Amino acid sequence: MSFEPSTNSNSSSDKSDRKLPDRSKGDDLQISRTDMNMLIMNYLVTEGFKEAALKFQQEAGLQEPALCSSLDERIMIREAVQNGRIPDAIAMVNALHPELLDNDRYLYFHLQQLQLLELIRGGRAEEALSFASAALAEAGAADRTALTELERSLALLAFPDPHASPFADLLLPSHSQKIASELNAAILKMENQEYTNPKLCSLLRMILWSQNELDKHNIKYPKMTDLANATIEQPKL
């Protein structure tokens, strides 16, 4: 009895001959210094760090950055938000774009929430409760997300030391910086700027999204495990 050669062996041979991508080549990919410098410059200008942008421009030998007309105002607004001078920040926003906070009530809620947090930070519990009732209760009743954020803020009052509570993240500088960036992006959007968020931030979000999609499909790849330090972990074979 004779047997014809199996076609499967040929297909297996063909598959073995196919070249698989060499992951090690990814280590040879380099981002040009010019592209990296432009990403940094875009971040500084978009976020409103004027002095840093001009200093970086000189040190990196770049062309003078195109500064937005509202850059000085955005710098003052950011400083007011991050220093806890929320009424001043709101007044400056209203002077620059009177309709902005009227049209974006969630952003306005975030600014008022920061004002509430400043009262809590200062140990002014009665004023905080009064302010929350007068200024934030309506937003909480209209929006479930806003209500949750309001409840987290008021929960700080239940702890002798709010900084040691489970909601202490609301009192960290990073929280006010986040709201300041949210407000900065809203101003740029009002002015029809091409980019309302730094390109660098968009790239990082894209990396996180891509890695999440690859993880869902159990695909092995060089994974960036620490964005701050650009630490990449090679896949285990």
Protein backbone atom coordinates (compact mmCIF):
# COMPACT_ATOMS: atom_id res chain seq x y z
CA MET A 1 0.00 0.00 0.00
CA SER A 2 1.38 3.41 -0.94
CA PHE A 3 0.65 6.79 0.57
CA GLU A 4 0.76 10.15 -1.14
CA PRO A 5 2.84 12.80 0.64
CA SER A 6 0.73 14.86 2.95
CA THR A 7 0.15 18.43 1.86
CA ASN A 8 0.22 19.43 5.54
CA SER A 9 3.97 18.80 5.70
CA ASN A 10 4.49 21.25 2.85
CA SER A 11 2.35 23.87 4.54
CA SER A 12 4.29 23.34 7.78
CA SER A 13 7.52 23.74 5.88
CA ASP A 14 6.22 26.89 4.24
CA LYS A 15 5.27 28.29 7.63
CA SER A 16 8.68 27.52 9.05
CA ASP A 17 10.29 29.36 6.15
CA ARG A 18 8.30 32.49 6.79
CA LYS A 19 10.24 35.20 8.51
CA LEU A 20 8.84 36.25 11.85
CA PRO A 21 9.25 39.84 12.95
CA ASP A 22 12.41 40.41 14.92
CA ARG A 23 11.38 42.13 18.13
CA SER A 24 14.97 43.03 18.88
CA LYS A 25 14.92 45.48 15.96
CA GLY A 26 12.57 47.66 17.97
CA ASP A 27 15.53 48.54 20.18
CA ASP A 28 17.22 50.12 17.17
CA LEU A 29 14.35 52.51 16.48
CA GLN A 30 15.30 56.03 17.44
CA ILE A 31 13.23 59.19 17.75
CA SER A 32 15.13 62.12 16.31
CA ARG A 33 16.24 64.77 18.78
CA THR A 34 14.38 67.39 16.73
CA ASP A 35 11.08 65.50 16.99
CA MET A 36 11.56 65.00 20.71
CA ASN A 37 12.38 68.67 21.22
CA MET A 38 9.26 69.68 19.30
CA LEU A 39 7.11 67.41 21.47
CA ILE A 40 8.54 69.04 24.59
CA MET A 41 8.03 72.52 23.14
CA ASN A 42 4.43 71.69 22.21
CA TYR A 43 3.81 70.55 25.79
CA LEU A 44 5.27 73.70 27.32
CA VAL A 45 3.38 76.09 25.01
CA THR A 46 0.07 74.22 25.16
CA GLU A 47 0.14 73.95 28.95
CA GLY A 48 1.11 77.60 29.31
CA PHE A 49 4.69 77.42 30.60
CA LYS A 50 5.93 80.49 28.76
CA GLU A 51 9.25 81.09 30.50
CA ALA A 52 10.18 77.42 30.33
CA ALA A 53 9.26 77.34 26.62
CA LEU A 54 11.45 80.34 25.79
CA LYS A 55 14.34 78.97 27.86
CA PHE A 56 14.04 75.55 26.23
CA GLN A 57 13.88 77.17 22.80
CA GLN A 58 17.22 78.87 23.43
CA GLU A 59 18.93 75.78 24.84
CA ALA A 60 17.63 73.42 22.14
CA GLY A 61 18.31 75.85 19.31
CA LEU A 62 14.74 75.79 18.06
CA GLN A 63 12.81 78.48 16.25
CA GLU A 64 10.95 80.84 18.53
CA PRO A 65 7.69 79.09 19.49
CA ALA A 66 4.37 80.36 18.20
CA LEU A 67 2.82 81.69 21.41
CA CYS A 68 -0.97 81.90 21.61
CA SER A 69 -2.45 85.34 22.15
CA SER A 70 -3.99 84.25 25.46
CA LEU A 71 -0.82 82.64 26.82
CA ASP A 72 -0.17 85.28 29.49
CA GLU A 73 -3.79 85.10 30.66
CA ARG A 74 -3.69 81.30 30.73
CA ILE A 75 -0.53 81.41 32.83
CA MET A 76 -2.18 83.68 35.40
CA ILE A 77 -5.31 81.52 35.47
CA ARG A 78 -3.27 78.33 35.94
CA GLU A 79 -1.28 79.90 38.77
CA ALA A 80 -4.47 81.05 40.48
CA VAL A 81 -6.00 77.57 40.28
CA GLN A 82 -2.89 75.79 41.52
CA ASN A 83 -2.44 78.29 44.37
CA GLY A 84 -6.03 77.83 45.55
CA ARG A 85 -7.25 81.29 44.47
CA ILE A 86 -10.30 79.88 42.75
CA PRO A 87 -12.53 83.01 42.83
CA ASP A 88 -9.70 84.94 41.16
CA ALA A 89 -9.32 82.23 38.51
CA ILE A 90 -13.07 82.23 37.79
CA ALA A 91 -13.08 86.04 37.49
CA MET A 92 -10.17 85.93 35.01
CA VAL A 93 -11.85 83.22 32.94
CA ASN A 94 -15.08 85.23 32.82
CA ALA A 95 -13.14 88.31 31.70
CA LEU A 96 -11.34 86.36 28.97
CA HIS A 97 -14.27 84.23 27.76
CA PRO A 98 -17.55 85.18 29.52
CA GLU A 99 -19.50 82.30 27.98
CA LEU A 100 -17.02 79.49 28.73
CA LEU A 101 -18.16 78.49 32.23
CA ASP A 102 -21.81 79.10 31.36
CA ASN A 103 -21.51 76.57 28.54
CA ASP A 104 -19.36 74.05 30.42
CA ARG A 105 -21.11 73.54 33.73
CA TYR A 106 -19.09 70.44 34.62
CA LEU A 107 -15.86 72.42 34.38
CA TYR A 108 -17.44 75.14 36.52
CA PHE A 109 -18.39 72.46 39.04
CA HIS A 110 -14.78 71.29 39.16
CA LEU A 111 -13.58 74.82 39.92
CA GLN A 112 -16.16 75.20 42.67
CA GLN A 113 -15.15 71.80 44.01
CA LEU A 114 -11.57 73.10 44.29
CA GLN A 115 -12.89 76.08 46.24
CA LEU A 116 -14.68 73.67 48.58
CA LEU A 117 -11.48 71.68 49.02
CA GLU A 118 -9.60 74.85 49.94
CA LEU A 119 -12.10 75.50 52.73
CA ILE A 120 -11.70 71.92 53.97
CA ARG A 121 -7.91 72.19 53.75
CA GLY A 122 -8.10 75.28 55.94
CA GLY A 123 -10.20 73.51 58.57
CA ARG A 124 -13.24 75.71 57.90
CA ALA A 125 -15.84 72.93 58.14
CA GLU A 126 -18.93 75.10 58.64
CA GLU A 127 -18.04 77.34 55.71
CA ALA A 128 -17.37 74.26 53.59
CA LEU A 129 -20.80 72.78 54.34
CA SER A 130 -22.50 76.10 53.70
CA PHE A 131 -20.65 76.58 50.40
CA ALA A 132 -21.42 73.03 49.28
CA SER A 133 -25.12 73.53 50.01
CA ALA A 134 -25.30 76.88 48.23
CA ALA A 135 -23.02 76.35 45.25
CA LEU A 136 -22.65 72.62 44.59
CA ALA A 137 -25.86 70.89 45.67
CA GLU A 138 -27.69 71.78 42.44
CA ALA A 139 -24.91 70.34 40.28
CA GLY A 140 -24.88 67.18 42.38
CA ALA A 141 -28.63 66.75 41.99
CA ALA A 142 -28.42 67.13 38.21
CA ASP A 143 -25.40 64.92 37.53
CA ARG A 144 -24.66 61.58 39.16
CA THR A 145 -20.93 61.89 38.49
CA ALA A 146 -20.82 65.34 40.07
CA LEU A 147 -22.75 63.99 43.07
CA THR A 148 -20.18 61.24 43.59
CA GLU A 149 -17.33 63.75 43.42
CA LEU A 150 -19.14 66.05 45.84
CA GLU A 151 -19.68 63.18 48.29
CA ARG A 152 -15.97 62.27 48.15
CA SER A 153 -15.06 65.88 48.88
CA LEU A 154 -17.43 66.21 51.83
CA ALA A 155 -16.27 62.85 53.20
CA LEU A 156 -12.96 64.54 54.04
CA LEU A 157 -14.78 66.36 56.85
CA ALA A 158 -15.37 63.07 58.65
CA PHE A 159 -11.66 62.63 59.38
CA PRO A 160 -9.65 64.51 62.02
CA ASP A 161 -6.81 64.67 59.50
CA PRO A 162 -8.20 64.86 55.93
CA HIS A 163 -4.70 64.26 54.55
CA ALA A 164 -4.74 60.79 56.13
CA SER A 165 -8.18 59.85 54.78
CA PRO A 166 -8.98 57.53 51.84
CA PHE A 167 -9.90 60.65 49.84
CA ALA A 168 -6.65 62.52 50.48
CA ASP A 169 -5.84 62.46 46.75
CA LEU A 170 -8.28 65.37 46.35
CA LEU A 171 -5.96 67.54 48.45
CA LEU A 172 -2.81 66.72 46.50
CA PRO A 173 -1.31 69.30 44.12
CA SER A 174 -1.84 66.79 41.27
CA HIS A 175 -5.61 67.20 41.61
CA SER A 176 -5.57 70.97 41.21
CA GLN A 177 -3.06 70.58 38.36
CA LYS A 178 -5.49 68.24 36.63
CA ILE A 179 -8.31 70.78 36.86
CA ALA A 180 -5.96 73.56 35.75
CA SER A 181 -5.09 71.55 32.63
CA GLU A 182 -8.78 70.84 32.01
CA LEU A 183 -9.51 74.56 32.18
CA ASN A 184 -6.51 75.38 29.99
CA ALA A 185 -7.74 72.96 27.30
CA ALA A 186 -11.22 74.50 27.43
CA ILE A 187 -9.78 77.98 26.86
CA LEU A 188 -7.75 76.77 23.88
CA LYS A 189 -10.87 75.11 22.47
CA MET A 190 -12.77 78.39 22.77
CA GLU A 191 -10.01 80.04 20.75
CA ASN A 192 -10.21 77.35 18.05
CA GLN A 193 -6.61 76.28 18.61
CA GLU A 194 -5.52 73.21 16.66
CA TYR A 195 -4.32 71.42 19.77
CA THR A 196 -6.08 71.74 23.12
CA ASN A 197 -3.98 69.03 24.79
CA PRO A 198 -0.23 68.42 24.48
CA LYS A 199 0.78 65.93 21.78
CA LEU A 200 2.98 64.18 24.34
CA CYS A 201 -0.04 63.39 26.50
CA SER A 202 -1.91 62.03 23.48
CA LEU A 203 1.03 59.75 22.65
CA LEU A 204 1.13 58.39 26.19
CA ARG A 205 -2.61 57.70 26.12
CA MET A 206 -2.14 55.90 22.80
CA ILE A 207 0.62 53.75 24.31
CA LEU A 208 -1.59 52.79 27.26
CA TRP A 209 -4.54 52.01 24.96
CA SER A 210 -2.38 49.91 22.62
CA GLN A 211 -0.87 47.94 25.49
CA ASN A 212 -4.31 47.32 26.96
CA GLU A 213 -5.55 45.95 23.62
CA LEU A 214 -2.51 43.68 23.29
CA ASP A 215 -2.99 42.42 26.85
CA LYS A 216 -6.61 41.56 26.09
CA HIS A 217 -5.44 39.21 23.34
CA ASN A 218 -2.58 37.74 25.40
CA ILE A 219 -0.01 38.96 22.89
CA LYS A 220 3.60 39.08 24.04
CA TYR A 221 5.40 42.35 23.35
CA PRO A 222 7.96 44.71 24.94
CA LYS A 223 5.75 46.46 27.51
CA MET A 224 6.35 49.88 28.96
CA THR A 225 5.80 49.26 32.65
CA ASP A 226 6.86 52.67 33.95
CA LEU A 227 5.85 55.66 31.84
CA ALA A 228 7.71 58.17 34.00
CA ASN A 229 11.05 56.41 33.50
CA ALA A 230 10.27 54.76 30.11
CA THR A 231 11.03 51.34 31.58
CA ILE A 232 10.36 48.60 29.04
CA GLU A 233 9.98 44.98 30.10
CA GLN A 234 10.86 42.40 27.44
CA PRO A 235 8.37 39.52 26.96
CA LYS A 236 9.20 36.15 28.44
CA LEU A 237 9.67 33.49 25.77
